[in-house]
Amino acid sequence: MKPLVLLVLLAIVGSLGKALFEMSSGPEHSVHMMRALSWRIGLSVVLFAGLFVGHYFGWMATNVTH
């Protein structure tokens, strides 16, 4: 599960970097920037939902000691 989470986090950061590059390229690239930001939001939602589902089904171990 950890490699998958890391991969999605890297994809989120990469999408954010692409949006930054498109934003600095000028206003004619605004459609590409919006597409990259939409991908970032979608990947973030997928990661958040995946973490909840993984915790619910016990696919992720929690290191809680009492």
N, C-alpha and C. Protein backbone atom coordinates (compact mmCIF):
# COMPACT_ATOMS: atom_id res chain seq x y z
N MET A 1 0.83 -1.20 0.00
CA MET A 1 0.00 0.00 0.00
C MET A 1 0.87 1.26 0.00
N LYS A 2 2.01 1.20 0.72
CA LYS A 2 2.87 2.38 0.80
C LYS A 2 3.41 2.82 -0.56
N PRO A 3 3.86 1.88 -1.42
CA PRO A 3 4.34 2.33 -2.74
C PRO A 3 3.25 2.98 -3.57
N LEU A 4 2.03 2.49 -3.45
CA LEU A 4 0.91 3.08 -4.20
C LEU A 4 0.62 4.50 -3.72
N VAL A 5 0.63 4.71 -2.41
CA VAL A 5 0.41 6.04 -1.85
C VAL A 5 1.52 6.98 -2.29
N LEU A 6 2.76 6.51 -2.24
CA LEU A 6 3.89 7.32 -2.67
C LEU A 6 3.79 7.68 -4.15
N LEU A 7 3.38 6.72 -4.96
CA LEU A 7 3.22 6.97 -6.39
C LEU A 7 2.15 8.03 -6.66
N VAL A 8 1.04 7.95 -5.96
CA VAL A 8 -0.03 8.94 -6.15
C VAL A 8 0.42 10.32 -5.65
N LEU A 9 1.16 10.35 -4.53
CA LEU A 9 1.68 11.64 -4.05
C LEU A 9 2.64 12.25 -5.05
N LEU A 10 3.49 11.45 -5.65
CA LEU A 10 4.41 11.95 -6.67
C LEU A 10 3.65 12.45 -7.89
N ALA A 11 2.57 11.77 -8.26
CA ALA A 11 1.76 12.23 -9.38
C ALA A 11 1.08 13.55 -9.07
N ILE A 12 0.65 13.73 -7.82
CA ILE A 12 0.03 14.99 -7.41
C ILE A 12 1.04 16.13 -7.50
N VAL A 13 2.24 15.91 -6.99
CA VAL A 13 3.28 16.93 -7.04
C VAL A 13 3.68 17.22 -8.49
N GLY A 14 3.77 16.17 -9.31
CA GLY A 14 4.09 16.37 -10.72
C GLY A 14 3.03 17.18 -11.45
N SER A 15 1.78 16.92 -11.15
CA SER A 15 0.70 17.67 -11.76
C SER A 15 0.72 19.13 -11.31
N LEU A 16 1.05 19.36 -10.06
CA LEU A 16 1.16 20.72 -9.56
C LEU A 16 2.32 21.44 -10.25
N GLY A 17 3.43 20.73 -10.46
CA GLY A 17 4.56 21.31 -11.17
C GLY A 17 4.22 21.65 -12.61
N LYS A 18 3.47 20.77 -13.26
CA LYS A 18 3.06 21.04 -14.64
C LYS A 18 2.15 22.27 -14.70
N ALA A 19 1.26 22.40 -13.73
CA ALA A 19 0.38 23.57 -13.70
C ALA A 19 1.19 24.84 -13.48
N LEU A 20 2.21 24.78 -12.64
CA LEU A 20 3.07 25.94 -12.42
C LEU A 20 3.81 26.31 -13.70
N PHE A 21 4.32 25.30 -14.41
CA PHE A 21 5.01 25.56 -15.67
C PHE A 21 4.06 26.20 -16.69
N GLU A 22 2.85 25.66 -16.80
CA GLU A 22 1.89 26.20 -17.75
C GLU A 22 1.46 27.62 -17.37
N MET A 23 1.36 27.89 -16.07
CA MET A 23 0.99 29.22 -15.63
C MET A 23 2.07 30.23 -15.98
N SER A 24 3.33 29.82 -15.86
CA SER A 24 4.42 30.75 -16.16
C SER A 24 4.65 30.90 -17.66
N SER A 25 4.05 30.04 -18.47
CA SER A 25 4.22 30.12 -19.92
C SER A 25 3.37 31.20 -20.57
N GLY A 26 2.40 31.69 -19.87
CA GLY A 26 1.58 32.77 -20.42
C GLY A 26 0.10 32.42 -20.41
N PRO A 27 -0.73 33.43 -20.70
CA PRO A 27 -2.19 33.22 -20.63
C PRO A 27 -2.72 32.28 -21.71
N GLU A 28 -1.98 32.07 -22.79
CA GLU A 28 -2.49 31.18 -23.84
C GLU A 28 -2.45 29.71 -23.41
N HIS A 29 -1.79 29.42 -22.29
CA HIS A 29 -1.71 28.04 -21.80
C HIS A 29 -2.65 27.80 -20.61
N SER A 30 -3.64 28.64 -20.44
CA SER A 30 -4.52 28.52 -19.27
C SER A 30 -5.34 27.24 -19.31
N VAL A 31 -5.68 26.75 -20.49
CA VAL A 31 -6.46 25.51 -20.59
C VAL A 31 -5.63 24.34 -20.09
N HIS A 32 -4.35 24.32 -20.45
CA HIS A 32 -3.46 23.25 -19.98
C HIS A 32 -3.26 23.33 -18.46
N MET A 33 -3.17 24.55 -17.95
CA MET A 33 -3.01 24.73 -16.51
C MET A 33 -4.24 24.22 -15.77
N MET A 34 -5.42 24.56 -16.26
CA MET A 34 -6.65 24.10 -15.61
C MET A 34 -6.79 22.59 -15.67
N ARG A 35 -6.35 21.99 -16.77
CA ARG A 35 -6.40 20.54 -16.89
C ARG A 35 -5.46 19.89 -15.87
N ALA A 36 -4.26 20.44 -15.70
CA ALA A 36 -3.31 19.90 -14.73
C ALA A 36 -3.82 20.06 -13.31
N LEU A 37 -4.44 21.19 -13.01
CA LEU A 37 -4.99 21.39 -11.67
C LEU A 37 -6.19 20.47 -11.42
N SER A 38 -6.97 20.20 -12.46
CA SER A 38 -8.09 19.26 -12.32
C SER A 38 -7.57 17.86 -12.03
N TRP A 39 -6.50 17.47 -12.70
CA TRP A 39 -5.89 16.17 -12.42
C TRP A 39 -5.39 16.11 -10.97
N ARG A 40 -4.80 17.21 -10.50
CA ARG A 40 -4.30 17.23 -9.12
C ARG A 40 -5.44 17.05 -8.13
N ILE A 41 -6.55 17.72 -8.36
CA ILE A 41 -7.69 17.60 -7.47
C ILE A 41 -8.24 16.18 -7.51
N GLY A 42 -8.38 15.63 -8.72
CA GLY A 42 -8.88 14.26 -8.84
C GLY A 42 -7.98 13.25 -8.16
N LEU A 43 -6.67 13.38 -8.33
CA LEU A 43 -5.74 12.46 -7.69
C LEU A 43 -5.78 12.60 -6.17
N SER A 44 -5.96 13.82 -5.69
CA SER A 44 -6.05 14.03 -4.24
C SER A 44 -7.31 13.38 -3.66
N VAL A 45 -8.41 13.49 -4.37
CA VAL A 45 -9.65 12.85 -3.92
C VAL A 45 -9.51 11.34 -3.93
N VAL A 46 -8.89 10.80 -4.98
CA VAL A 46 -8.68 9.35 -5.07
C VAL A 46 -7.77 8.88 -3.93
N LEU A 47 -6.71 9.62 -3.64
CA LEU A 47 -5.81 9.26 -2.55
C LEU A 47 -6.54 9.29 -1.21
N PHE A 48 -7.31 10.35 -0.97
CA PHE A 48 -8.04 10.48 0.29
C PHE A 48 -9.04 9.34 0.46
N ALA A 49 -9.80 9.05 -0.59
CA ALA A 49 -10.77 7.96 -0.52
C ALA A 49 -10.06 6.61 -0.36
N GLY A 50 -8.95 6.44 -1.06
CA GLY A 50 -8.20 5.19 -0.95
C GLY A 50 -7.65 4.97 0.45
N LEU A 51 -7.21 6.03 1.11
CA LEU A 51 -6.72 5.90 2.48
C LEU A 51 -7.86 5.50 3.43
N PHE A 52 -9.03 6.08 3.24
CA PHE A 52 -10.17 5.69 4.07
C PHE A 52 -10.56 4.24 3.83
N VAL A 53 -10.64 3.84 2.58
CA VAL A 53 -11.02 2.46 2.25
C VAL A 53 -9.97 1.48 2.78
N GLY A 54 -8.69 1.83 2.60
CA GLY A 54 -7.63 0.96 3.09
C GLY A 54 -7.65 0.80 4.59
N HIS A 55 -7.94 1.87 5.29
CA HIS A 55 -8.04 1.78 6.74
C HIS A 55 -9.26 0.98 7.17
N TYR A 56 -10.38 1.18 6.49
CA TYR A 56 -11.62 0.47 6.83
C TYR A 56 -11.45 -1.04 6.68
N PHE A 57 -10.82 -1.47 5.58
CA PHE A 57 -10.66 -2.90 5.33
C PHE A 57 -9.43 -3.49 5.99
N GLY A 58 -8.67 -2.69 6.69
CA GLY A 58 -7.51 -3.19 7.41
C GLY A 58 -6.30 -3.44 6.52
N TRP A 59 -6.24 -2.81 5.39
CA TRP A 59 -5.11 -2.99 4.49
C TRP A 59 -3.90 -2.20 4.95
N MET A 60 -4.13 -1.22 5.82
CA MET A 60 -3.04 -0.40 6.35
C MET A 60 -2.94 -0.62 7.85
N ALA A 61 -1.73 -0.85 8.30
CA ALA A 61 -1.53 -1.06 9.73
C ALA A 61 -1.34 0.29 10.42
N THR A 62 -1.96 0.43 11.58
CA THR A 62 -1.75 1.63 12.37
C THR A 62 -0.80 1.28 13.49
N ASN A 63 0.12 2.16 13.79
CA ASN A 63 1.12 1.93 14.83
C ASN A 63 0.72 2.63 16.11
N VAL A 64 -0.39 2.21 16.67
CA VAL A 64 -0.90 2.79 17.90
C VAL A 64 -0.61 1.82 19.04
N THR A 65 0.09 2.30 20.05
CA THR A 65 0.36 1.47 21.23
C THR A 65 -0.27 2.13 22.44
N HIS A 66 -0.87 1.32 23.27
CA HIS A 66 -1.50 1.85 24.48
C HIS A 66 -0.81 1.30 25.69
